[in-house]
Amino acid sequence: MPQLQVKGPTLRRWGSKLAVAVDRPFFNAIGGPSSAPSQDLNDGSIIWFVPRITDDCQLVEDHWEVLSLEASCDKLLSAETVKRKEFEDALRAKLQRI
């Protein structure tokens, strides 16, 4: 969020966009896709990319949408919080599979 707050206004003044790539669980935790997602680059200054990994380990496009800086911050502020123990347990489980 700090990067959005610092870089977002500057890039918007410059007429540039900021691209953010996140995984599906994170995107879902901040509310998931908008009810009417826009792919019009003129509709905002933040482009959210949510790729997926195929069975043969290829990174491919799954979802993307354009949001304003304000809508992006609102999305992040409404994120579901995860209890520390749940996070650590999930991380340990993933590391044990490696």
PDB file of N, CA and C in Angstrom:
ATOM      1  N   MET A   1       0.809  -1.191   0.000  1.00  0.00           N
ATOM      2  CA  MET A   1       0.000   0.000   0.000  1.00  0.00           C
ATOM      3  C   MET A   1       0.854   1.258   0.000  1.00  0.00           C
ATOM      4  N   PRO A   2       1.949   1.313   0.775  1.00  0.00           N
ATOM      5  CA  PRO A   2       2.769   2.530   0.723  1.00  0.00           C
ATOM      6  C   PRO A   2       3.277   2.852  -0.680  1.00  0.00           C
ATOM      7  N   GLN A   3       3.622   1.815  -1.444  1.00  0.00           N
ATOM      8  CA  GLN A   3       4.095   2.082  -2.800  1.00  0.00           C
ATOM      9  C   GLN A   3       3.005   2.708  -3.651  1.00  0.00           C
ATOM     10  N   LEU A   4       1.771   2.235  -3.495  1.00  0.00           N
ATOM     11  CA  LEU A   4       0.668   2.832  -4.246  1.00  0.00           C
ATOM     12  C   LEU A   4       0.480   4.287  -3.853  1.00  0.00           C
ATOM     13  N   GLN A   5       0.566   4.559  -2.558  1.00  0.00           N
ATOM     14  CA  GLN A   5       0.345   5.921  -2.080  1.00  0.00           C
ATOM     15  C   GLN A   5       1.467   6.867  -2.500  1.00  0.00           C
ATOM     16  N   VAL A   6       2.680   6.356  -2.613  1.00  0.00           N
ATOM     17  CA  VAL A   6       3.810   7.202  -2.999  1.00  0.00           C
ATOM     18  C   VAL A   6       3.919   7.316  -4.519  1.00  0.00           C
ATOM     19  N   LYS A   7       3.896   6.181  -5.193  1.00  0.00           N
ATOM     20  CA  LYS A   7       4.098   6.178  -6.647  1.00  0.00           C
ATOM     21  C   LYS A   7       2.843   6.546  -7.429  1.00  0.00           C
ATOM     22  N   GLY A   8       1.684   6.145  -6.920  1.00  0.00           N
ATOM     23  CA  GLY A   8       0.432   6.340  -7.648  1.00  0.00           C
ATOM     24  C   GLY A   8       0.176   7.775  -8.083  1.00  0.00           C
ATOM     25  N   PRO A   9       0.193   8.744  -7.142  1.00  0.00           N
ATOM     26  CA  PRO A   9      -0.081  10.123  -7.548  1.00  0.00           C
ATOM     27  C   PRO A   9       0.943  10.682  -8.536  1.00  0.00           C
ATOM     28  N   THR A  10       2.209  10.330  -8.348  1.00  0.00           N
ATOM     29  CA  THR A  10       3.251  10.812  -9.255  1.00  0.00           C
ATOM     30  C   THR A  10       3.046  10.259 -10.652  1.00  0.00           C
ATOM     31  N   LEU A  11       2.833   8.952 -10.752  1.00  0.00           N
ATOM     32  CA  LEU A  11       2.623   8.336 -12.065  1.00  0.00           C
ATOM     33  C   LEU A  11       1.363   8.870 -12.729  1.00  0.00           C
ATOM     34  N   ARG A  12       0.324   9.120 -11.921  1.00  0.00           N
ATOM     35  CA  ARG A  12      -0.913   9.666 -12.481  1.00  0.00           C
ATOM     36  C   ARG A  12      -0.652  11.056 -13.079  1.00  0.00           C
ATOM     37  N   ARG A  13       0.131  11.886 -12.368  1.00  0.00           N
ATOM     38  CA  ARG A  13       0.473  13.215 -12.894  1.00  0.00           C
ATOM     39  C   ARG A  13       1.263  13.110 -14.180  1.00  0.00           C
ATOM     40  N   TRP A  14       2.093  12.095 -14.276  1.00  0.00           N
ATOM     41  CA  TRP A  14       2.914  11.894 -15.474  1.00  0.00           C
ATOM     42  C   TRP A  14       2.127  11.240 -16.603  1.00  0.00           C
ATOM     43  N   GLY A  15       0.899  10.838 -16.317  1.00  0.00           N
ATOM     44  CA  GLY A  15       0.090  10.161 -17.337  1.00  0.00           C
ATOM     45  C   GLY A  15       0.486   8.713 -17.542  1.00  0.00           C
ATOM     46  N   SER A  16       1.133   8.113 -16.526  1.00  0.00           N
ATOM     47  CA  SER A  16       1.569   6.718 -16.619  1.00  0.00           C
ATOM     48  C   SER A  16       0.702   5.834 -15.732  1.00  0.00           C
ATOM     49  N   LYS A  17       0.823   4.546 -15.930  1.00  0.00           N
ATOM     50  CA  LYS A  17       0.066   3.563 -15.155  1.00  0.00           C
ATOM     51  C   LYS A  17       1.018   2.777 -14.264  1.00  0.00           C
ATOM     52  N   LEU A  18       0.470   2.195 -13.216  1.00  0.00           N
ATOM     53  CA  LEU A  18       1.214   1.314 -12.331  1.00  0.00           C
ATOM     54  C   LEU A  18       0.599  -0.071 -12.448  1.00  0.00           C
ATOM     55  N   ALA A  19       1.411  -1.074 -12.732  1.00  0.00           N
ATOM     56  CA  ALA A  19       0.927  -2.449 -12.841  1.00  0.00           C
ATOM     57  C   ALA A  19       1.271  -3.208 -11.562  1.00  0.00           C
ATOM     58  N   VAL A  20       0.289  -3.942 -11.059  1.00  0.00           N
ATOM     59  CA  VAL A  20       0.466  -4.735  -9.847  1.00  0.00           C
ATOM     60  C   VAL A  20       0.084  -6.170 -10.182  1.00  0.00           C
ATOM     61  N   ALA A  21       0.996  -7.110  -9.972  1.00  0.00           N
ATOM     62  CA  ALA A  21       0.707  -8.528 -10.203  1.00  0.00           C
ATOM     63  C   ALA A  21       0.640  -9.230  -8.851  1.00  0.00           C
ATOM     64  N   VAL A  22      -0.465  -9.927  -8.617  1.00  0.00           N
ATOM     65  CA  VAL A  22      -0.662 -10.644  -7.359  1.00  0.00           C
ATOM     66  C   VAL A  22      -1.235 -12.023  -7.653  1.00  0.00           C
ATOM     67  N   ASP A  23      -1.123 -12.927  -6.675  1.00  0.00           N
ATOM     68  CA  ASP A  23      -1.700 -14.253  -6.870  1.00  0.00           C
ATOM     69  C   ASP A  23      -3.193 -14.235  -6.541  1.00  0.00           C
ATOM     70  N   ARG A  24      -3.889 -15.262  -6.977  1.00  0.00           N
ATOM     71  CA  ARG A  24      -5.345 -15.338  -6.807  1.00  0.00           C
ATOM     72  C   ARG A  24      -5.766 -15.281  -5.331  1.00  0.00           C
ATOM     73  N   PRO A  25      -5.110 -16.028  -4.422  1.00  0.00           N
ATOM     74  CA  PRO A  25      -5.537 -15.944  -3.018  1.00  0.00           C
ATOM     75  C   PRO A  25      -5.448 -14.519  -2.454  1.00  0.00           C
ATOM     76  N   PHE A  26      -4.388 -13.800  -2.797  1.00  0.00           N
ATOM     77  CA  PHE A  26      -4.267 -12.421  -2.314  1.00  0.00           C
ATOM     78  C   PHE A  26      -5.364 -11.556  -2.923  1.00  0.00           C
ATOM     79  N   PHE A  27      -5.567 -11.691  -4.218  1.00  0.00           N
ATOM     80  CA  PHE A  27      -6.584 -10.884  -4.894  1.00  0.00           C
ATOM     81  C   PHE A  27      -7.965 -11.167  -4.311  1.00  0.00           C
ATOM     82  N   ASN A  28      -8.255 -12.429  -4.042  1.00  0.00           N
ATOM     83  CA  ASN A  28      -9.537 -12.781  -3.439  1.00  0.00           C
ATOM     84  C   ASN A  28      -9.659 -12.194  -2.028  1.00  0.00           C
ATOM     85  N   ALA A  29      -8.549 -12.153  -1.288  1.00  0.00           N
ATOM     86  CA  ALA A  29      -8.567 -11.615   0.071  1.00  0.00           C
ATOM     87  C   ALA A  29      -8.863 -10.118   0.100  1.00  0.00           C
ATOM     88  N   ILE A  30      -8.566  -9.427  -0.993  1.00  0.00           N
ATOM     89  CA  ILE A  30      -8.874  -7.990  -1.040  1.00  0.00           C
ATOM     90  C   ILE A  30     -10.171  -7.711  -1.800  1.00  0.00           C
ATOM     91  N   GLY A  31     -10.984  -8.739  -1.937  1.00  0.00           N
ATOM     92  CA  GLY A  31     -12.300  -8.533  -2.539  1.00  0.00           C
ATOM     93  C   GLY A  31     -12.510  -9.164  -3.890  1.00  0.00           C
ATOM     94  N   GLY A  32     -11.457  -9.683  -4.504  1.00  0.00           N
ATOM     95  CA  GLY A  32     -11.605 -10.347  -5.795  1.00  0.00           C
ATOM     96  C   GLY A  32     -11.929  -9.381  -6.915  1.00  0.00           C
ATOM     97  N   PRO A  33     -12.344  -9.918  -8.049  1.00  0.00           N
ATOM     98  CA  PRO A  33     -12.667  -9.066  -9.192  1.00  0.00           C
ATOM     99  C   PRO A  33     -13.808  -8.102  -8.866  1.00  0.00           C
ATOM    100  N   SER A  34     -13.754  -6.944  -9.455  1.00  0.00           N
ATOM    101  CA  SER A  34     -14.831  -5.975  -9.311  1.00  0.00           C
ATOM    102  C   SER A  34     -16.106  -6.546  -9.929  1.00  0.00           C
ATOM    103  N   SER A  35     -17.235  -6.014  -9.522  1.00  0.00           N
ATOM    104  CA  SER A  35     -18.507  -6.527 -10.050  1.00  0.00           C
ATOM    105  C   SER A  35     -18.626  -6.285 -11.552  1.00  0.00           C
ATOM    106  N   ALA A  36     -18.039  -5.199 -12.020  1.00  0.00           N
ATOM    107  CA  ALA A  36     -18.020  -4.907 -13.461  1.00  0.00           C
ATOM    108  C   ALA A  36     -16.602  -4.450 -13.810  1.00  0.00           C
ATOM    109  N   PRO A  37     -15.649  -5.398 -13.868  1.00  0.00           N
ATOM    110  CA  PRO A  37     -14.253  -5.011 -14.082  1.00  0.00           C
ATOM    111  C   PRO A  37     -14.038  -4.303 -15.418  1.00  0.00           C
ATOM    112  N   SER A  38     -13.258  -3.248 -15.364  1.00  0.00           N
ATOM    113  CA  SER A  38     -12.946  -2.490 -16.575  1.00  0.00           C
ATOM    114  C   SER A  38     -11.572  -2.880 -17.097  1.00  0.00           C
ATOM    115  N   GLN A  39     -11.470  -2.999 -18.404  1.00  0.00           N
ATOM    116  CA  GLN A  39     -10.185  -3.213 -19.040  1.00  0.00           C
ATOM    117  C   GLN A  39      -9.857  -2.032 -19.948  1.00  0.00           C
ATOM    118  N   ASP A  40     -10.504  -0.907 -19.664  1.00  0.00           N
ATOM    119  CA  ASP A  40     -10.237   0.340 -20.376  1.00  0.00           C
ATOM    120  C   ASP A  40      -9.134   1.076 -19.619  1.00  0.00           C
ATOM    121  N   LEU A  41      -7.990   1.221 -20.247  1.00  0.00           N
ATOM    122  CA  LEU A  41      -6.844   1.850 -19.580  1.00  0.00           C
ATOM    123  C   LEU A  41      -7.103   3.295 -19.185  1.00  0.00           C
ATOM    124  N   ASN A  42      -8.138   3.901 -19.710  1.00  0.00           N
ATOM    125  CA  ASN A  42      -8.482   5.271 -19.343  1.00  0.00           C
ATOM    126  C   ASN A  42      -9.331   5.344 -18.077  1.00  0.00           C
ATOM    127  N   ASP A  43      -9.740   4.199 -17.543  1.00  0.00           N
ATOM    128  CA  ASP A  43     -10.612   4.176 -16.365  1.00  0.00           C
ATOM    129  C   ASP A  43      -9.874   4.252 -15.038  1.00  0.00           C
ATOM    130  N   GLY A  44      -8.560   4.240 -15.050  1.00  0.00           N
ATOM    131  CA  GLY A  44      -7.824   4.302 -13.789  1.00  0.00           C
ATOM    132  C   GLY A  44      -6.334   4.333 -14.020  1.00  0.00           C
ATOM    133  N   SER A  45      -5.607   4.340 -12.911  1.00  0.00           N
ATOM    134  CA  SER A  45      -4.151   4.429 -13.024  1.00  0.00           C
ATOM    135  C   SER A  45      -3.434   3.188 -12.499  1.00  0.00           C
ATOM    136  N   ILE A  46      -4.201   2.223 -11.979  1.00  0.00           N
ATOM    137  CA  ILE A  46      -3.596   0.987 -11.463  1.00  0.00           C
ATOM    138  C   ILE A  46      -4.153  -0.194 -12.257  1.00  0.00           C
ATOM    139  N   ILE A  47      -3.264  -0.987 -12.828  1.00  0.00           N
ATOM    140  CA  ILE A  47      -3.668  -2.189 -13.560  1.00  0.00           C
ATOM    141  C   ILE A  47      -3.332  -3.394 -12.679  1.00  0.00           C
ATOM    142  N   TRP A  48      -4.345  -4.127 -12.303  1.00  0.00           N
ATOM    143  CA  TRP A  48      -4.173  -5.315 -11.470  1.00  0.00           C
ATOM    144  C   TRP A  48      -4.122  -6.546 -12.370  1.00  0.00           C
ATOM    145  N   PHE A  49      -3.033  -7.321 -12.269  1.00  0.00           N
ATOM    146  CA  PHE A  49      -2.878  -8.569 -13.013  1.00  0.00           C
ATOM    147  C   PHE A  49      -2.945  -9.731 -12.037  1.00  0.00           C
ATOM    148  N   VAL A  50      -3.750 -10.730 -12.383  1.00  0.00           N
ATOM    149  CA  VAL A  50      -3.860 -11.940 -11.573  1.00  0.00           C
ATOM    150  C   VAL A  50      -3.601 -13.116 -12.500  1.00  0.00           C
ATOM    151  N   PRO A  51      -2.341 -13.529 -12.641  1.00  0.00           N
ATOM    152  CA  PRO A  51      -2.039 -14.653 -13.538  1.00  0.00           C
ATOM    153  C   PRO A  51      -2.349 -15.986 -12.862  1.00  0.00           C
ATOM    154  N   ARG A  52      -2.264 -17.049 -13.634  1.00  0.00           N
ATOM    155  CA  ARG A  52      -2.382 -18.397 -13.075  1.00  0.00           C
ATOM    156  C   ARG A  52      -1.259 -19.247 -13.656  1.00  0.00           C
ATOM    157  N   ILE A  53      -0.983 -20.332 -12.979  1.00  0.00           N
ATOM    158  CA  ILE A  53       0.063 -21.249 -13.435  1.00  0.00           C
ATOM    159  C   ILE A  53      -0.622 -22.500 -13.968  1.00  0.00           C
ATOM    160  N   THR A  54      -0.271 -22.873 -15.193  1.00  0.00           N
ATOM    161  CA  THR A  54      -0.865 -24.057 -15.817  1.00  0.00           C
ATOM    162  C   THR A  54      -0.227 -25.319 -15.260  1.00  0.00           C
ATOM    163  N   ASP A  55      -0.798 -26.462 -15.615  1.00  0.00           N
ATOM    164  CA  ASP A  55      -0.263 -27.744 -15.148  1.00  0.00           C
ATOM    165  C   ASP A  55       1.175 -27.965 -15.604  1.00  0.00           C
ATOM    166  N   ASP A  56       1.546 -27.362 -16.750  1.00  0.00           N
ATOM    167  CA  ASP A  56       2.926 -27.510 -17.222  1.00  0.00           C
ATOM    168  C   ASP A  56       3.794 -26.308 -16.801  1.00  0.00           C
ATOM    169  N   CYS A  57       3.372 -25.653 -15.710  1.00  0.00           N
ATOM    170  CA  CYS A  57       4.153 -24.577 -15.065  1.00  0.00           C
ATOM    171  C   CYS A  57       4.366 -23.334 -15.927  1.00  0.00           C
ATOM    172  N   GLN A  58       3.400 -23.028 -16.759  1.00  0.00           N
ATOM    173  CA  GLN A  58       3.456 -21.801 -17.548  1.00  0.00           C
ATOM    174  C   GLN A  58       2.636 -20.720 -16.837  1.00  0.00           C
ATOM    175  N   LEU A  59       3.141 -19.501 -16.809  1.00  0.00           N
ATOM    176  CA  LEU A  59       2.423 -18.376 -16.237  1.00  0.00           C
ATOM    177  C   LEU A  59       1.576 -17.750 -17.342  1.00  0.00           C
ATOM    178  N   VAL A  60       0.254 -17.748 -17.169  1.00  0.00           N
ATOM    179  CA  VAL A  60      -0.639 -17.242 -18.210  1.00  0.00           C
ATOM    180  C   VAL A  60      -1.635 -16.243 -17.616  1.00  0.00           C
ATOM    181  N   GLU A  61      -2.180 -15.422 -18.509  1.00  0.00           N
ATOM    182  CA  GLU A  61      -3.176 -14.431 -18.099  1.00  0.00           C
ATOM    183  C   GLU A  61      -4.428 -15.125 -17.593  1.00  0.00           C
ATOM    184  N   ASP A  62      -4.943 -14.665 -16.480  1.00  0.00           N
ATOM    185  CA  ASP A  62      -6.192 -15.196 -15.952  1.00  0.00           C
ATOM    186  C   ASP A  62      -7.209 -14.070 -15.787  1.00  0.00           C
ATOM    187  N   HIS A  63      -6.819 -13.008 -15.120  1.00  0.00           N
ATOM    188  CA  HIS A  63      -7.715 -11.867 -14.903  1.00  0.00           C
ATOM    189  C   HIS A  63      -6.882 -10.594 -14.834  1.00  0.00           C
ATOM    190  N   TRP A  64      -7.443  -9.518 -15.357  1.00  0.00           N
ATOM    191  CA  TRP A  64      -6.835  -8.206 -15.154  1.00  0.00           C
ATOM    192  C   TRP A  64      -7.917  -7.161 -15.222  1.00  0.00           C
ATOM    193  N   GLU A  65      -7.702  -6.100 -14.471  1.00  0.00           N
ATOM    194  CA  GLU A  65      -8.658  -5.006 -14.474  1.00  0.00           C
ATOM    195  C   GLU A  65      -7.962  -3.709 -14.105  1.00  0.00           C
ATOM    196  N   VAL A  66      -8.587  -2.616 -14.491  1.00  0.00           N
ATOM    197  CA  VAL A  66      -8.043  -1.284 -14.245  1.00  0.00           C
ATOM    198  C   VAL A  66      -8.871  -0.617 -13.159  1.00  0.00           C
ATOM    199  N   LEU A  67      -8.184  -0.093 -12.141  1.00  0.00           N
ATOM    200  CA  LEU A  67      -8.855   0.613 -11.053  1.00  0.00           C
ATOM    201  C   LEU A  67      -8.176   1.958 -10.818  1.00  0.00           C
ATOM    202  N   SER A  68      -8.916   2.862 -10.231  1.00  0.00           N
ATOM    203  CA  SER A  68      -8.321   4.130  -9.835  1.00  0.00           C
ATOM    204  C   SER A  68      -7.430   3.893  -8.620  1.00  0.00           C
ATOM    205  N   LEU A  69      -6.590   4.845  -8.312  1.00  0.00           N
ATOM    206  CA  LEU A  69      -5.749   4.761  -7.117  1.00  0.00           C
ATOM    207  C   LEU A  69      -6.627   4.640  -5.880  1.00  0.00           C
ATOM    208  N   GLU A  70      -7.689   5.425  -5.828  1.00  0.00           N
ATOM    209  CA  GLU A  70      -8.577   5.420  -4.666  1.00  0.00           C
ATOM    210  C   GLU A  70      -9.279   4.077  -4.497  1.00  0.00           C
ATOM    211  N   ALA A  71      -9.777   3.515  -5.588  1.00  0.00           N
ATOM    212  CA  ALA A  71     -10.451   2.212  -5.525  1.00  0.00           C
ATOM    213  C   ALA A  71      -9.454   1.110  -5.132  1.00  0.00           C
ATOM    214  N   SER A  72      -8.212   1.216  -5.593  1.00  0.00           N
ATOM    215  CA  SER A  72      -7.182   0.238  -5.235  1.00  0.00           C
ATOM    216  C   SER A  72      -6.874   0.305  -3.741  1.00  0.00           C
ATOM    217  N   CYS A  73      -6.752   1.516  -3.214  1.00  0.00           N
ATOM    218  CA  CYS A  73      -6.488   1.679  -1.773  1.00  0.00           C
ATOM    219  C   CYS A  73      -7.662   1.155  -0.953  1.00  0.00           C
ATOM    220  N   ASP A  74      -8.890   1.445  -1.392  1.00  0.00           N
ATOM    221  CA  ASP A  74     -10.068   0.934  -0.684  1.00  0.00           C
ATOM    222  C   ASP A  74     -10.066  -0.585  -0.662  1.00  0.00           C
ATOM    223  N   LYS A  75      -9.703  -1.193  -1.784  1.00  0.00           N
ATOM    224  CA  LYS A  75      -9.642  -2.652  -1.882  1.00  0.00           C
ATOM    225  C   LYS A  75      -8.628  -3.209  -0.875  1.00  0.00           C
ATOM    226  N   LEU A  76      -7.458  -2.591  -0.831  1.00  0.00           N
ATOM    227  CA  LEU A  76      -6.415  -3.065   0.083  1.00  0.00           C
ATOM    228  C   LEU A  76      -6.802  -2.872   1.544  1.00  0.00           C
ATOM    229  N   LEU A  77      -7.464  -1.774   1.851  1.00  0.00           N
ATOM    230  CA  LEU A  77      -7.868  -1.514   3.233  1.00  0.00           C
ATOM    231  C   LEU A  77      -8.970  -2.456   3.708  1.00  0.00           C
ATOM    232  N   SER A  78      -9.722  -3.022   2.788  1.00  0.00           N
ATOM    233  CA  SER A  78     -10.804  -3.928   3.162  1.00  0.00           C
ATOM    234  C   SER A  78     -10.349  -5.389   3.185  1.00  0.00           C
ATOM    235  N   ALA A  79      -9.066  -5.616   3.056  1.00  0.00           N
ATOM    236  CA  ALA A  79      -8.533  -6.985   2.994  1.00  0.00           C
ATOM    237  C   ALA A  79      -8.872  -7.782   4.250  1.00  0.00           C
ATOM    238  N   GLU A  80      -9.135  -9.056   4.042  1.00  0.00           N
ATOM    239  CA  GLU A  80      -9.354  -9.967   5.164  1.00  0.00           C
ATOM    240  C   GLU A  80      -8.016 -10.169   5.868  1.00  0.00           C
ATOM    241  N   THR A  81      -8.020 -10.047   7.167  1.00  0.00           N
ATOM    242  CA  THR A  81      -6.771 -10.285   7.900  1.00  0.00           C
ATOM    243  C   THR A  81      -6.637 -11.772   8.190  1.00  0.00           C
ATOM    244  N   VAL A  82      -5.413 -12.237   8.154  1.00  0.00           N
ATOM    245  CA  VAL A  82      -5.116 -13.640   8.415  1.00  0.00           C
ATOM    246  C   VAL A  82      -4.426 -13.727   9.770  1.00  0.00           C
ATOM    247  N   LYS A  83      -4.866 -14.662  10.569  1.00  0.00           N
ATOM    248  CA  LYS A  83      -4.218 -14.856  11.871  1.00  0.00           C
ATOM    249  C   LYS A  83      -2.794 -15.360  11.646  1.00  0.00           C
ATOM    250  N   ARG A  84      -1.882 -14.883  12.457  1.00  0.00           N
ATOM    251  CA  ARG A  84      -0.466 -15.217  12.302  1.00  0.00           C
ATOM    252  C   ARG A  84      -0.244 -16.734  12.307  1.00  0.00           C
ATOM    253  N   LYS A  85      -0.867 -17.432  13.240  1.00  0.00           N
ATOM    254  CA  LYS A  85      -0.675 -18.882  13.335  1.00  0.00           C
ATOM    255  C   LYS A  85      -1.132 -19.574  12.048  1.00  0.00           C
ATOM    256  N   GLU A  86      -2.270 -19.170  11.499  1.00  0.00           N
ATOM    257  CA  GLU A  86      -2.757 -19.766  10.255  1.00  0.00           C
ATOM    258  C   GLU A  86      -1.762 -19.531   9.122  1.00  0.00           C
ATOM    259  N   PHE A  87      -1.235 -18.308   9.036  1.00  0.00           N
ATOM    260  CA  PHE A  87      -0.262 -17.970   8.002  1.00  0.00           C
ATOM    261  C   PHE A  87       0.993 -18.826   8.142  1.00  0.00           C
ATOM    262  N   GLU A  88       1.524 -18.886   9.370  1.00  0.00           N
ATOM    263  CA  GLU A  88       2.753 -19.658   9.596  1.00  0.00           C
ATOM    264  C   GLU A  88       2.539 -21.145   9.348  1.00  0.00           C
ATOM    265  N   ASP A  89       1.393 -21.678   9.774  1.00  0.00           N
ATOM    266  CA  ASP A  89       1.105 -23.099   9.543  1.00  0.00           C
ATOM    267  C   ASP A  89       1.019 -23.403   8.047  1.00  0.00           C
ATOM    268  N   ALA A  90       0.350 -22.538   7.297  1.00  0.00           N
ATOM    269  CA  ALA A  90       0.231 -22.739   5.848  1.00  0.00           C
ATOM    270  C   ALA A  90       1.600 -22.660   5.183  1.00  0.00           C
ATOM    271  N   LEU A  91       2.420 -21.729   5.625  1.00  0.00           N
ATOM    272  CA  LEU A  91       3.769 -21.590   5.063  1.00  0.00           C
ATOM    273  C   LEU A  91       4.615 -22.817   5.380  1.00  0.00           C
ATOM    274  N   ARG A  92       4.538 -23.296   6.616  1.00  0.00           N
ATOM    275  CA  ARG A  92       5.298 -24.497   6.980  1.00  0.00           C
ATOM    276  C   ARG A  92       4.880 -25.694   6.136  1.00  0.00           C
ATOM    277  N   ALA A  93       3.590 -25.838   5.920  1.00  0.00           N
ATOM    278  CA  ALA A  93       3.072 -26.961   5.122  1.00  0.00           C
ATOM    279  C   ALA A  93       3.616 -26.898   3.701  1.00  0.00           C
ATOM    280  N   LYS A  94       3.667 -25.693   3.136  1.00  0.00           N
ATOM    281  CA  LYS A  94       4.200 -25.540   1.775  1.00  0.00           C
ATOM    282  C   LYS A  94       5.682 -25.841   1.737  1.00  0.00           C
ATOM    283  N   LEU A  95       6.419 -25.407   2.736  1.00  0.00           N
ATOM    284  CA  LEU A  95       7.858 -25.634   2.767  1.00  0.00           C
ATOM    285  C   LEU A  95       8.196 -27.120   2.953  1.00  0.00           C
ATOM    286  N   GLN A  96       7.357 -27.849   3.659  1.00  0.00           N
ATOM    287  CA  GLN A  96       7.596 -29.279   3.863  1.00  0.00           C
ATOM    288  C   GLN A  96       7.445 -30.066   2.564  1.00  0.00           C
ATOM    289  N   ARG A  97       6.660 -29.532   1.625  1.00  0.00           N
ATOM    290  CA  ARG A  97       6.464 -30.218   0.332  1.00  0.00           C
ATOM    291  C   ARG A  97       7.640 -30.035  -0.599  1.00  0.00           C
ATOM    292  N   ILE A  98       8.500 -29.090  -0.292  1.00  0.00           N
ATOM    293  CA  ILE A  98       9.626 -28.796  -1.195  1.00  0.00           C
ATOM    294  C   ILE A  98      10.745 -29.788  -1.031  1.00  0.00           C
TER     295      ILE A  98
END
